[in-house]
């Protein structure tokens, strides 16, 4: 799985966000062993220290936990996973409305367009 890194924001933060998304979407299921820092750093093509910082962020958010002998594992706390999924959805929604505002649409118009697009599925 590729990482999509851009230069506009800190790499460690982008890595943490993308790994968090993988966790809440089930790529890394609850309770599963999480790849090592070195494995993930090699996959992303970044320094292990950068990946370690991203991992520390995931731990602070409660998405992964470290066991000294077993390594890291994905949380089994459904509440944490649901809260993270909701936060990500809210961020995407706000970005959508912000982008639509730049195009000259009122929030109500943007919401109507989104609902209209959903009906076409």
PDB file of N, CA and C in Angstrom:
ATOM      1  N   UNK A   1       0.842  -1.170   0.000  1.00  0.00           N
ATOM      2  CA  UNK A   1       0.000   0.000   0.000  1.00  0.00           C
ATOM      3  C   UNK A   1       0.892   1.240   0.000  1.00  0.00           C
ATOM      4  N   UNK A   2       0.642   2.131  -0.894  1.00  0.00           N
ATOM      5  CA  UNK A   2       1.479   3.315  -1.016  1.00  0.00           C
ATOM      6  C   UNK A   2       1.033   4.425  -0.070  1.00  0.00           C
ATOM      7  N   UNK A   3       2.019   5.208   0.325  1.00  0.00           N
ATOM      8  CA  UNK A   3       1.745   6.405   1.102  1.00  0.00           C
ATOM      9  C   UNK A   3       1.734   7.582   0.133  1.00  0.00           C
ATOM     10  N   UNK A   4       0.864   8.530   0.354  1.00  0.00           N
ATOM     11  CA  UNK A   4       0.762   9.719  -0.489  1.00  0.00           C
ATOM     12  C   UNK A   4       1.275  10.902   0.324  1.00  0.00           C
ATOM     13  N   UNK A   5       2.555  11.247   0.120  1.00  0.00           N
ATOM     14  CA  UNK A   5       3.184  12.307   0.909  1.00  0.00           C
ATOM     15  C   UNK A   5       3.355  13.563   0.076  1.00  0.00           C
ATOM     16  N   UNK A   6       3.008  14.690   0.672  1.00  0.00           N
ATOM     17  CA  UNK A   6       3.150  15.992   0.018  1.00  0.00           C
ATOM     18  C   UNK A   6       4.082  16.851   0.862  1.00  0.00           C
ATOM     19  N   UNK A   7       4.707  17.817   0.244  1.00  0.00           N
ATOM     20  CA  UNK A   7       5.689  18.623   0.969  1.00  0.00           C
ATOM     21  C   UNK A   7       5.073  19.760   1.779  1.00  0.00           C
ATOM     22  N   UNK A   8       3.781  19.971   1.649  1.00  0.00           N
ATOM     23  CA  UNK A   8       3.151  21.124   2.290  1.00  0.00           C
ATOM     24  C   UNK A   8       2.973  20.973   3.806  1.00  0.00           C
ATOM     25  N   UNK A   9       3.030  19.746   4.317  1.00  0.00           N
ATOM     26  CA  UNK A   9       2.812  19.506   5.741  1.00  0.00           C
ATOM     27  C   UNK A   9       3.871  18.543   6.261  1.00  0.00           C
ATOM     28  N   UNK A  10       4.101  18.520   7.565  1.00  0.00           N
ATOM     29  CA  UNK A  10       5.115  17.601   8.107  1.00  0.00           C
ATOM     30  C   UNK A  10       4.829  16.151   7.708  1.00  0.00           C
ATOM     31  N   UNK A  11       5.865  15.455   7.272  1.00  0.00           N
ATOM     32  CA  UNK A  11       5.715  14.080   6.799  1.00  0.00           C
ATOM     33  C   UNK A  11       5.195  13.167   7.902  1.00  0.00           C
ATOM     34  N   UNK A  12       5.717  13.323   9.121  1.00  0.00           N
ATOM     35  CA  UNK A  12       5.287  12.445  10.208  1.00  0.00           C
ATOM     36  C   UNK A  12       3.792  12.561  10.459  1.00  0.00           C
ATOM     37  N   UNK A  13       3.258  13.776  10.306  1.00  0.00           N
ATOM     38  CA  UNK A  13       1.836  13.994  10.529  1.00  0.00           C
ATOM     39  C   UNK A  13       1.011  13.344   9.413  1.00  0.00           C
ATOM     40  N   UNK A  14       1.484  13.462   8.177  1.00  0.00           N
ATOM     41  CA  UNK A  14       0.805  12.821   7.058  1.00  0.00           C
ATOM     42  C   UNK A  14       0.806  11.297   7.224  1.00  0.00           C
ATOM     43  N   UNK A  15       1.943  10.762   7.662  1.00  0.00           N
ATOM     44  CA  UNK A  15       2.037   9.323   7.895  1.00  0.00           C
ATOM     45  C   UNK A  15       1.056   8.877   8.979  1.00  0.00           C
ATOM     46  N   UNK A  16       1.006   9.625  10.075  1.00  0.00           N
ATOM     47  CA  UNK A  16       0.094   9.286  11.171  1.00  0.00           C
ATOM     48  C   UNK A  16      -1.356   9.307  10.683  1.00  0.00           C
ATOM     49  N   UNK A  17      -1.709  10.307   9.890  1.00  0.00           N
ATOM     50  CA  UNK A  17      -3.081  10.404   9.384  1.00  0.00           C
ATOM     51  C   UNK A  17      -3.418   9.234   8.471  1.00  0.00           C
ATOM     52  N   UNK A  18      -2.486   8.894   7.589  1.00  0.00           N
ATOM     53  CA  UNK A  18      -2.745   7.812   6.647  1.00  0.00           C
ATOM     54  C   UNK A  18      -2.790   6.454   7.347  1.00  0.00           C
ATOM     55  N   UNK A  19      -1.931   6.254   8.326  1.00  0.00           N
ATOM     56  CA  UNK A  19      -1.982   5.006   9.096  1.00  0.00           C
ATOM     57  C   UNK A  19      -3.263   4.943   9.929  1.00  0.00           C
ATOM     58  N   UNK A  20      -3.663   6.075  10.498  1.00  0.00           N
ATOM     59  CA  UNK A  20      -4.916   6.129  11.255  1.00  0.00           C
ATOM     60  C   UNK A  20      -6.104   5.773  10.384  1.00  0.00           C
ATOM     61  N   UNK A  21      -6.085   6.246   9.159  1.00  0.00           N
ATOM     62  CA  UNK A  21      -7.171   5.927   8.229  1.00  0.00           C
ATOM     63  C   UNK A  21      -7.175   4.428   7.914  1.00  0.00           C
ATOM     64  N   UNK A  22      -5.990   3.859   7.752  1.00  0.00           N
ATOM     65  CA  UNK A  22      -5.900   2.414   7.505  1.00  0.00           C
ATOM     66  C   UNK A  22      -6.464   1.621   8.686  1.00  0.00           C
ATOM     67  N   UNK A  23      -6.241   2.131   9.876  1.00  0.00           N
ATOM     68  CA  UNK A  23      -6.744   1.441  11.072  1.00  0.00           C
ATOM     69  C   UNK A  23      -8.271   1.496  11.117  1.00  0.00           C
ATOM     70  N   UNK A  24      -8.854   2.672  10.951  1.00  0.00           N
ATOM     71  CA  UNK A  24     -10.313   2.788  11.082  1.00  0.00           C
ATOM     72  C   UNK A  24     -11.067   2.156   9.917  1.00  0.00           C
ATOM     73  N   UNK A  25     -10.396   1.957   8.781  1.00  0.00           N
ATOM     74  CA  UNK A  25     -11.066   1.308   7.655  1.00  0.00           C
ATOM     75  C   UNK A  25     -10.866  -0.200   7.654  1.00  0.00           C
ATOM     76  N   UNK A  26     -10.099  -0.708   8.640  1.00  0.00           N
ATOM     77  CA  UNK A  26      -9.961  -2.150   8.776  1.00  0.00           C
ATOM     78  C   UNK A  26      -8.796  -2.771   8.028  1.00  0.00           C
ATOM     79  N   UNK A  27      -7.947  -1.965   7.393  1.00  0.00           N
ATOM     80  CA  UNK A  27      -6.758  -2.525   6.761  1.00  0.00           C
ATOM     81  C   UNK A  27      -5.916  -3.223   7.822  1.00  0.00           C
ATOM     82  N   UNK A  28      -5.830  -2.577   8.987  1.00  0.00           N
ATOM     83  CA  UNK A  28      -5.214  -3.182  10.169  1.00  0.00           C
ATOM     84  C   UNK A  28      -6.357  -3.413  11.159  1.00  0.00           C
ATOM     85  N   UNK A  29      -6.876  -4.630  11.243  1.00  0.00           N
ATOM     86  CA  UNK A  29      -8.047  -4.907  12.085  1.00  0.00           C
ATOM     87  C   UNK A  29      -7.769  -4.710  13.579  1.00  0.00           C
ATOM     88  N   UNK A  30      -8.820  -4.432  14.348  1.00  0.00           N
ATOM     89  CA  UNK A  30      -8.670  -4.286  15.801  1.00  0.00           C
ATOM     90  C   UNK A  30      -7.991  -5.507  16.416  1.00  0.00           C
ATOM     91  N   UNK A  31      -7.022  -5.248  17.282  1.00  0.00           N
ATOM     92  CA  UNK A  31      -6.307  -6.307  17.976  1.00  0.00           C
ATOM     93  C   UNK A  31      -5.181  -6.949  17.190  1.00  0.00           C
ATOM     94  N   UNK A  32      -5.046  -6.580  15.921  1.00  0.00           N
ATOM     95  CA  UNK A  32      -3.998  -7.210  15.101  1.00  0.00           C
ATOM     96  C   UNK A  32      -2.624  -6.617  15.403  1.00  0.00           C
ATOM     97  N   UNK A  33      -1.607  -7.389  15.076  1.00  0.00           N
ATOM     98  CA  UNK A  33      -0.236  -6.915  15.214  1.00  0.00           C
ATOM     99  C   UNK A  33      -0.020  -5.801  14.199  1.00  0.00           C
ATOM    100  N   UNK A  34       0.605  -4.725  14.657  1.00  0.00           N
ATOM    101  CA  UNK A  34       0.882  -3.594  13.783  1.00  0.00           C
ATOM    102  C   UNK A  34       2.296  -3.751  13.229  1.00  0.00           C
ATOM    103  N   UNK A  35       2.525  -3.408  11.961  1.00  0.00           N
ATOM    104  CA  UNK A  35       3.873  -3.530  11.410  1.00  0.00           C
ATOM    105  C   UNK A  35       4.893  -2.733  12.230  1.00  0.00           C
ATOM    106  N   UNK A  36       6.145  -3.151  12.148  1.00  0.00           N
ATOM    107  CA  UNK A  36       7.195  -2.463  12.891  1.00  0.00           C
ATOM    108  C   UNK A  36       7.506  -1.116  12.253  1.00  0.00           C
ATOM    109  N   UNK A  37       8.171  -0.281  13.024  1.00  0.00           N
ATOM    110  CA  UNK A  37       8.589   1.031  12.526  1.00  0.00           C
ATOM    111  C   UNK A  37       9.453   0.852  11.285  1.00  0.00           C
ATOM    112  N   UNK A  38      10.375  -0.071  11.339  1.00  0.00           N
ATOM    113  CA  UNK A  38      11.283  -0.289  10.197  1.00  0.00           C
ATOM    114  C   UNK A  38      10.532  -0.773   8.956  1.00  0.00           C
ATOM    115  N   UNK A  39       9.569  -1.672   9.149  1.00  0.00           N
ATOM    116  CA  UNK A  39       8.769  -2.143   8.007  1.00  0.00           C
ATOM    117  C   UNK A  39       7.998  -0.988   7.368  1.00  0.00           C
ATOM    118  N   UNK A  40       7.347  -0.205   8.205  1.00  0.00           N
ATOM    119  CA  UNK A  40       6.561   0.918   7.688  1.00  0.00           C
ATOM    120  C   UNK A  40       7.440   1.999   7.067  1.00  0.00           C
ATOM    121  N   UNK A  41       8.598   2.272   7.689  1.00  0.00           N
ATOM    122  CA  UNK A  41       9.519   3.272   7.146  1.00  0.00           C
ATOM    123  C   UNK A  41      10.014   2.846   5.773  1.00  0.00           C
ATOM    124  N   UNK A  42      10.336   1.565   5.618  1.00  0.00           N
ATOM    125  CA  UNK A  42      10.794   1.061   4.321  1.00  0.00           C
ATOM    126  C   UNK A  42       9.675   1.179   3.282  1.00  0.00           C
ATOM    127  N   UNK A  43       8.463   0.847   3.684  1.00  0.00           N
ATOM    128  CA  UNK A  43       7.318   0.937   2.770  1.00  0.00           C
ATOM    129  C   UNK A  43       7.080   2.378   2.315  1.00  0.00           C
ATOM    130  N   UNK A  44       7.205   3.328   3.243  1.00  0.00           N
ATOM    131  CA  UNK A  44       6.943   4.728   2.935  1.00  0.00           C
ATOM    132  C   UNK A  44       8.156   5.430   2.334  1.00  0.00           C
ATOM    133  N   UNK A  45       9.335   4.813   2.471  1.00  0.00           N
ATOM    134  CA  UNK A  45      10.550   5.449   1.960  1.00  0.00           C
ATOM    135  C   UNK A  45      10.991   6.623   2.810  1.00  0.00           C
ATOM    136  N   UNK A  46      10.818   6.494   4.123  1.00  0.00           N
ATOM    137  CA  UNK A  46      11.196   7.571   5.042  1.00  0.00           C
ATOM    138  C   UNK A  46      12.161   7.037   6.096  1.00  0.00           C
ATOM    139  N   UNK A  47      12.772   7.950   6.801  1.00  0.00           N
ATOM    140  CA  UNK A  47      13.679   7.610   7.890  1.00  0.00           C
ATOM    141  C   UNK A  47      12.870   6.960   9.028  1.00  0.00           C
ATOM    142  N   UNK A  48      13.402   5.920   9.656  1.00  0.00           N
ATOM    143  CA  UNK A  48      12.680   5.297  10.774  1.00  0.00           C
ATOM    144  C   UNK A  48      12.337   6.275  11.897  1.00  0.00           C
ATOM    145  N   UNK A  49      13.147   7.297  12.103  1.00  0.00           N
ATOM    146  CA  UNK A  49      12.827   8.289  13.137  1.00  0.00           C
ATOM    147  C   UNK A  49      11.551   9.057  12.801  1.00  0.00           C
ATOM    148  N   UNK A  50      11.354   9.324  11.518  1.00  0.00           N
ATOM    149  CA  UNK A  50      10.135  10.010  11.083  1.00  0.00           C
ATOM    150  C   UNK A  50       8.926   9.119  11.332  1.00  0.00           C
ATOM    151  N   UNK A  51       9.070   7.843  10.999  1.00  0.00           N
ATOM    152  CA  UNK A  51       7.965   6.906  11.217  1.00  0.00           C
ATOM    153  C   UNK A  51       7.712   6.724  12.713  1.00  0.00           C
ATOM    154  N   UNK A  52       8.766   6.721  13.515  1.00  0.00           N
ATOM    155  CA  UNK A  52       8.601   6.582  14.963  1.00  0.00           C
ATOM    156  C   UNK A  52       7.768   7.735  15.518  1.00  0.00           C
ATOM    157  N   UNK A  53       7.984   8.918  14.987  1.00  0.00           N
ATOM    158  CA  UNK A  53       7.199  10.079  15.441  1.00  0.00           C
ATOM    159  C   UNK A  53       5.723   9.901  15.068  1.00  0.00           C
ATOM    160  N   UNK A  54       5.477   9.363  13.877  1.00  0.00           N
ATOM    161  CA  UNK A  54       4.097   9.095  13.464  1.00  0.00           C
ATOM    162  C   UNK A  54       3.459   8.050  14.377  1.00  0.00           C
ATOM    163  N   UNK A  55       4.241   7.030  14.725  1.00  0.00           N
ATOM    164  CA  UNK A  55       3.732   5.983  15.610  1.00  0.00           C
ATOM    165  C   UNK A  55       3.414   6.534  16.998  1.00  0.00           C
ATOM    166  N   UNK A  56       4.260   7.439  17.476  1.00  0.00           N
ATOM    167  CA  UNK A  56       4.003   8.063  18.775  1.00  0.00           C
ATOM    168  C   UNK A  56       2.678   8.832  18.743  1.00  0.00           C
ATOM    169  N   UNK A  57       2.377   9.457  17.617  1.00  0.00           N
ATOM    170  CA  UNK A  57       1.117  10.173  17.465  1.00  0.00           C
ATOM    171  C   UNK A  57      -0.063   9.196  17.526  1.00  0.00           C
ATOM    172  N   UNK A  58       0.069   8.072  16.835  1.00  0.00           N
ATOM    173  CA  UNK A  58      -1.003   7.063  16.854  1.00  0.00           C
ATOM    174  C   UNK A  58      -1.221   6.521  18.263  1.00  0.00           C
ATOM    175  N   UNK A  59      -0.130   6.341  18.999  1.00  0.00           N
ATOM    176  CA  UNK A  59      -0.256   5.878  20.385  1.00  0.00           C
ATOM    177  C   UNK A  59      -0.961   6.919  21.236  1.00  0.00           C
ATOM    178  N   UNK A  60      -0.619   8.197  21.037  1.00  0.00           N
ATOM    179  CA  UNK A  60      -1.249   9.256  21.834  1.00  0.00           C
ATOM    180  C   UNK A  60      -2.747   9.370  21.536  1.00  0.00           C
ATOM    181  N   UNK A  61      -3.138   8.988  20.326  1.00  0.00           N
ATOM    182  CA  UNK A  61      -4.553   9.009  19.948  1.00  0.00           C
ATOM    183  C   UNK A  61      -5.274   7.742  20.401  1.00  0.00           C
ATOM    184  N   UNK A  62      -4.518   6.777  20.909  1.00  0.00           N
ATOM    185  CA  UNK A  62      -5.118   5.539  21.389  1.00  0.00           C
ATOM    186  C   UNK A  62      -5.409   4.522  20.306  1.00  0.00           C
ATOM    187  N   UNK A  63      -4.879   4.728  19.097  1.00  0.00           N
ATOM    188  CA  UNK A  63      -5.153   3.803  18.000  1.00  0.00           C
ATOM    189  C   UNK A  63      -4.259   2.570  18.027  1.00  0.00           C
ATOM    190  N   UNK A  64      -3.066   2.704  18.581  1.00  0.00           N
ATOM    191  CA  UNK A  64      -2.168   1.559  18.744  1.00  0.00           C
ATOM    192  C   UNK A  64      -1.631   1.555  20.164  1.00  0.00           C
ATOM    193  N   UNK A  65      -1.215   0.385  20.605  1.00  0.00           N
ATOM    194  CA  UNK A  65      -0.633   0.233  21.943  1.00  0.00           C
ATOM    195  C   UNK A  65       0.634  -0.590  21.815  1.00  0.00           C
ATOM    196  N   UNK A  66       1.610  -0.293  22.675  1.00  0.00           N
ATOM    197  CA  UNK A  66       2.876  -1.002  22.648  1.00  0.00           C
ATOM    198  C   UNK A  66       2.957  -1.991  23.794  1.00  0.00           C
ATOM    199  N   UNK A  67       3.370  -3.188  23.453  1.00  0.00           N
ATOM    200  CA  UNK A  67       3.660  -4.215  24.443  1.00  0.00           C
ATOM    201  C   UNK A  67       5.143  -4.523  24.274  1.00  0.00           C
ATOM    202  N   UNK A  68       5.918  -4.344  25.310  1.00  0.00           N
ATOM    203  CA  UNK A  68       7.375  -4.483  25.213  1.00  0.00           C
ATOM    204  C   UNK A  68       7.839  -5.764  24.538  1.00  0.00           C
ATOM    205  N   UNK A  69       7.144  -6.866  24.773  1.00  0.00           N
ATOM    206  CA  UNK A  69       7.598  -8.139  24.210  1.00  0.00           C
ATOM    207  C   UNK A  69       6.930  -8.499  22.882  1.00  0.00           C
ATOM    208  N   UNK A  70       5.745  -7.976  22.643  1.00  0.00           N
ATOM    209  CA  UNK A  70       4.999  -8.331  21.434  1.00  0.00           C
ATOM    210  C   UNK A  70       4.989  -7.257  20.361  1.00  0.00           C
ATOM    211  N   UNK A  71       5.521  -6.086  20.641  1.00  0.00           N
ATOM    212  CA  UNK A  71       5.469  -4.996  19.674  1.00  0.00           C
ATOM    213  C   UNK A  71       4.164  -4.230  19.781  1.00  0.00           C
ATOM    214  N   UNK A  72       3.800  -3.578  18.709  1.00  0.00           N
ATOM    215  CA  UNK A  72       2.576  -2.768  18.710  1.00  0.00           C
ATOM    216  C   UNK A  72       1.405  -3.562  18.157  1.00  0.00           C
ATOM    217  N   UNK A  73       0.227  -3.199  18.667  1.00  0.00           N
ATOM    218  CA  UNK A  73      -0.999  -3.789  18.141  1.00  0.00           C
ATOM    219  C   UNK A  73      -2.060  -2.702  18.033  1.00  0.00           C
ATOM    220  N   UNK A  74      -3.014  -2.955  17.155  1.00  0.00           N
ATOM    221  CA  UNK A  74      -4.120  -2.028  16.940  1.00  0.00           C
ATOM    222  C   UNK A  74      -5.076  -2.135  18.125  1.00  0.00           C
ATOM    223  N   UNK A  75      -5.609  -1.016  18.536  1.00  0.00           N
ATOM    224  CA  UNK A  75      -6.549  -1.018  19.655  1.00  0.00           C
ATOM    225  C   UNK A  75      -7.768  -1.887  19.352  1.00  0.00           C
ATOM    226  N   UNK A  76      -8.339  -2.433  20.392  1.00  0.00           N
ATOM    227  CA  UNK A  76      -9.596  -3.170  20.272  1.00  0.00           C
ATOM    228  C   UNK A  76     -10.750  -2.335  20.806  1.00  0.00           C
ATOM    229  N   UNK A  77     -10.454  -1.109  21.215  1.00  0.00           N
ATOM    230  CA  UNK A  77     -11.452  -0.203  21.777  1.00  0.00           C
ATOM    231  C   UNK A  77     -12.308   0.381  20.644  1.00  0.00           C
ATOM    232  N   UNK A  78     -13.496  -0.162  20.484  1.00  0.00           N
ATOM    233  CA  UNK A  78     -14.401   0.260  19.422  1.00  0.00           C
ATOM    234  C   UNK A  78     -14.765   1.737  19.558  1.00  0.00           C
ATOM    235  N   UNK A  79     -14.842   2.229  20.801  1.00  0.00           N
ATOM    236  CA  UNK A  79     -15.157   3.639  21.025  1.00  0.00           C
ATOM    237  C   UNK A  79     -14.100   4.561  20.428  1.00  0.00           C
ATOM    238  N   UNK A  80     -12.836   4.209  20.598  1.00  0.00           N
ATOM    239  CA  UNK A  80     -11.742   5.005  20.028  1.00  0.00           C
ATOM    240  C   UNK A  80     -11.806   4.968  18.507  1.00  0.00           C
ATOM    241  N   UNK A  81     -12.043   3.790  17.957  1.00  0.00           N
ATOM    242  CA  UNK A  81     -12.124   3.649  16.504  1.00  0.00           C
ATOM    243  C   UNK A  81     -13.295   4.445  15.933  1.00  0.00           C
ATOM    244  N   UNK A  82     -14.453   4.353  16.568  1.00  0.00           N
ATOM    245  CA  UNK A  82     -15.624   5.092  16.100  1.00  0.00           C
ATOM    246  C   UNK A  82     -15.425   6.600  16.213  1.00  0.00           C
ATOM    247  N   UNK A  83     -14.821   7.054  17.312  1.00  0.00           N
ATOM    248  CA  UNK A  83     -14.573   8.487  17.497  1.00  0.00           C
ATOM    249  C   UNK A  83     -13.597   8.996  16.448  1.00  0.00           C
ATOM    250  N   UNK A  84     -12.590   8.211  16.134  1.00  0.00           N
ATOM    251  CA  UNK A  84     -11.612   8.610  15.116  1.00  0.00           C
ATOM    252  C   UNK A  84     -12.267   8.648  13.744  1.00  0.00           C
ATOM    253  N   UNK A  85     -13.069   7.647  13.438  1.00  0.00           N
ATOM    254  CA  UNK A  85     -13.772   7.609  12.149  1.00  0.00           C
ATOM    255  C   UNK A  85     -14.690   8.836  12.016  1.00  0.00           C
ATOM    256  N   UNK A  86     -15.381   9.175  13.095  1.00  0.00           N
ATOM    257  CA  UNK A  86     -16.281  10.334  13.058  1.00  0.00           C
ATOM    258  C   UNK A  86     -15.491  11.626  12.870  1.00  0.00           C
ATOM    259  N   UNK A  87     -14.357  11.751  13.580  1.00  0.00           N
ATOM    260  CA  UNK A  87     -13.524  12.956  13.438  1.00  0.00           C
ATOM    261  C   UNK A  87     -13.023  13.102  12.001  1.00  0.00           C
ATOM    262  N   UNK A  88     -12.592  12.004  11.409  1.00  0.00           N
ATOM    263  CA  UNK A  88     -12.117  12.049  10.024  1.00  0.00           C
ATOM    264  C   UNK A  88     -13.239  12.453   9.071  1.00  0.00           C
ATOM    265  N   UNK A  89     -14.435  11.927   9.299  1.00  0.00           N
ATOM    266  CA  UNK A  89     -15.585  12.279   8.464  1.00  0.00           C
ATOM    267  C   UNK A  89     -15.921  13.759   8.595  1.00  0.00           C
ATOM    268  N   UNK A  90     -15.859  14.283   9.809  1.00  0.00           N
ATOM    269  CA  UNK A  90     -16.138  15.701  10.027  1.00  0.00           C
ATOM    270  C   UNK A  90     -15.097  16.572   9.323  1.00  0.00           C
ATOM    271  N   UNK A  91     -13.828  16.162   9.367  1.00  0.00           N
ATOM    272  CA  UNK A  91     -12.778  16.924   8.683  1.00  0.00           C
ATOM    273  C   UNK A  91     -13.005  16.940   7.175  1.00  0.00           C
ATOM    274  N   UNK A  92     -13.379  15.783   6.613  1.00  0.00           N
ATOM    275  CA  UNK A  92     -13.651  15.716   5.174  1.00  0.00           C
ATOM    276  C   UNK A  92     -14.860  16.567   4.803  1.00  0.00           C
ATOM    277  N   UNK A  93     -15.874  16.535   5.643  1.00  0.00           N
ATOM    278  CA  UNK A  93     -17.078  17.322   5.389  1.00  0.00           C
ATOM    279  C   UNK A  93     -16.760  18.811   5.392  1.00  0.00           C
ATOM    280  N   UNK A  94     -15.996  19.245   6.385  1.00  0.00           N
ATOM    281  CA  UNK A  94     -15.630  20.662   6.453  1.00  0.00           C
ATOM    282  C   UNK A  94     -14.772  21.079   5.261  1.00  0.00           C
ATOM    283  N   UNK A  95     -13.891  20.200   4.825  1.00  0.00           N
ATOM    284  CA  UNK A  95     -13.071  20.503   3.642  1.00  0.00           C
ATOM    285  C   UNK A  95     -13.964  20.649   2.416  1.00  0.00           C
ATOM    286  N   UNK A  96     -14.938  19.765   2.289  1.00  0.00           N
ATOM    287  CA  UNK A  96     -15.879  19.845   1.174  1.00  0.00           C
ATOM    288  C   UNK A  96     -16.599  21.199   1.173  1.00  0.00           C
ATOM    289  N   UNK A  97     -17.144  21.581   2.333  1.00  0.00           N
ATOM    290  CA  UNK A  97     -17.873  22.845   2.397  1.00  0.00           C
ATOM    291  C   UNK A  97     -16.950  24.038   2.156  1.00  0.00           C
ATOM    292  N   UNK A  98     -15.731  23.950   2.637  1.00  0.00           N
ATOM    293  CA  UNK A  98     -14.764  25.026   2.410  1.00  0.00           C
ATOM    294  C   UNK A  98     -14.431  25.154   0.924  1.00  0.00           C
ATOM    295  N   UNK A  99     -14.195  24.022   0.283  1.00  0.00           N
ATOM    296  CA  UNK A  99     -13.894  24.039  -1.153  1.00  0.00           C
ATOM    297  C   UNK A  99     -15.078  24.560  -1.961  1.00  0.00           C
ATOM    298  N   UNK A 100     -16.279  24.155  -1.579  1.00  0.00           N
ATOM    299  CA  UNK A 100     -17.476  24.615  -2.286  1.00  0.00           C
ATOM    300  C   UNK A 100     -17.692  26.113  -2.079  1.00  0.00           C
ATOM    301  N   UNK A 101     -17.354  26.611  -0.896  1.00  0.00           N
ATOM    302  CA  UNK A 101     -17.473  28.048  -0.635  1.00  0.00           C
ATOM    303  C   UNK A 101     -16.537  28.825  -1.562  1.00  0.00           C
ATOM    304  N   UNK A 102     -15.337  28.295  -1.775  1.00  0.00           N
ATOM    305  CA  UNK A 102     -14.395  28.937  -2.699  1.00  0.00           C
ATOM    306  C   UNK A 102     -14.959  28.999  -4.118  1.00  0.00           C
ATOM    307  N   UNK A 103     -15.796  28.027  -4.463  1.00  0.00           N
ATOM    308  CA  UNK A 103     -16.429  28.015  -5.783  1.00  0.00           C
ATOM    309  C   UNK A 103     -17.668  28.909  -5.840  1.00  0.00           C
ATOM    310  N   UNK A 104     -18.038  29.489  -4.694  1.00  0.00           N
ATOM    311  CA  UNK A 104     -19.159  30.409  -4.665  1.00  0.00           C
ATOM    312  C   UNK A 104     -20.482  29.797  -4.240  1.00  0.00           C
ATOM    313  N   UNK A 105     -20.451  28.589  -3.706  1.00  0.00           N
ATOM    314  CA  UNK A 105     -21.689  27.942  -3.262  1.00  0.00           C
ATOM    315  C   UNK A 105     -21.927  28.208  -1.785  1.00  0.00           C
ATOM    316  N   UNK A 106     -23.173  28.498  -1.440  1.00  0.00           N
ATOM    317  CA  UNK A 106     -23.558  28.597  -0.036  1.00  0.00           C
ATOM    318  C   UNK A 106     -23.558  27.195   0.548  1.00  0.00           C
ATOM    319  N   UNK A 107     -23.452  27.118   1.869  1.00  0.00           N
ATOM    320  CA  UNK A 107     -23.422  25.812   2.542  1.00  0.00           C
ATOM    321  C   UNK A 107     -24.657  24.973   2.194  1.00  0.00           C
ATOM    322  N   UNK A 108     -25.815  25.612   2.154  1.00  0.00           N
ATOM    323  CA  UNK A 108     -27.052  24.878   1.845  1.00  0.00           C
ATOM    324  C   UNK A 108     -27.027  24.353   0.407  1.00  0.00           C
ATOM    325  N   UNK A 109     -26.468  25.146  -0.512  1.00  0.00           N
ATOM    326  CA  UNK A 109     -26.365  24.698  -1.903  1.00  0.00           C
ATOM    327  C   UNK A 109     -25.398  23.509  -2.017  1.00  0.00           C
ATOM    328  N   UNK A 110     -24.284  23.593  -1.302  1.00  0.00           N
ATOM    329  CA  UNK A 110     -23.298  22.512  -1.321  1.00  0.00           C
ATOM    330  C   UNK A 110     -23.894  21.238  -0.741  1.00  0.00           C
ATOM    331  N   UNK A 111     -24.676  21.376   0.335  1.00  0.00           N
ATOM    332  CA  UNK A 111     -25.319  20.205   0.945  1.00  0.00           C
ATOM    333  C   UNK A 111     -26.319  19.591  -0.027  1.00  0.00           C
ATOM    334  N   UNK A 112     -27.068  20.431  -0.741  1.00  0.00           N
ATOM    335  CA  UNK A 112     -28.036  19.931  -1.715  1.00  0.00           C
ATOM    336  C   UNK A 112     -27.322  19.195  -2.844  1.00  0.00           C
ATOM    337  N   UNK A 113     -26.208  19.736  -3.307  1.00  0.00           N
ATOM    338  CA  UNK A 113     -25.442  19.064  -4.354  1.00  0.00           C
ATOM    339  C   UNK A 113     -24.902  17.716  -3.882  1.00  0.00           C
ATOM    340  N   UNK A 114     -24.442  17.662  -2.643  1.00  0.00           N
ATOM    341  CA  UNK A 114     -23.937  16.406  -2.097  1.00  0.00           C
ATOM    342  C   UNK A 114     -25.062  15.376  -1.998  1.00  0.00           C
ATOM    343  N   UNK A 115     -26.235  15.811  -1.558  1.00  0.00           N
ATOM    344  CA  UNK A 115     -27.376  14.906  -1.460  1.00  0.00           C
ATOM    345  C   UNK A 115     -27.808  14.446  -2.851  1.00  0.00           C
ATOM    346  N   UNK A 116     -27.772  15.340  -3.803  1.00  0.00           N
ATOM    347  CA  UNK A 116     -28.129  15.009  -5.175  1.00  0.00           C
ATOM    348  C   UNK A 116     -27.147  13.968  -5.748  1.00  0.00           C
ATOM    349  N   UNK A 117     -25.878  14.137  -5.457  1.00  0.00           N
ATOM    350  CA  UNK A 117     -24.872  13.179  -5.925  1.00  0.00           C
ATOM    351  C   UNK A 117     -25.064  11.814  -5.298  1.00  0.00           C
ATOM    352  N   UNK A 118     -25.469  11.786  -4.041  1.00  0.00           N
ATOM    353  CA  UNK A 118     -25.714  10.520  -3.344  1.00  0.00           C
ATOM    354  C   UNK A 118     -26.879   9.770  -3.966  1.00  0.00           C
ATOM    355  N   UNK A 119     -27.898  10.523  -4.420  1.00  0.00           N
ATOM    356  CA  UNK A 119     -29.079   9.906  -5.013  1.00  0.00           C
ATOM    357  C   UNK A 119     -28.746   9.233  -6.347  1.00  0.00           C
ATOM    358  N   UNK A 120     -27.706   9.696  -7.026  1.00  0.00           N
ATOM    359  CA  UNK A 120     -27.329   9.141  -8.323  1.00  0.00           C
ATOM    360  C   UNK A 120     -26.588   7.827  -8.208  1.00  0.00           C
ATOM    361  N   UNK A 121     -26.139   7.485  -7.019  1.00  0.00           N
ATOM    362  CA  UNK A 121     -25.383   6.234  -6.833  1.00  0.00           C
ATOM    363  C   UNK A 121     -26.232   5.024  -7.013  1.00  0.00           C
TER     364      UNK A 121
END
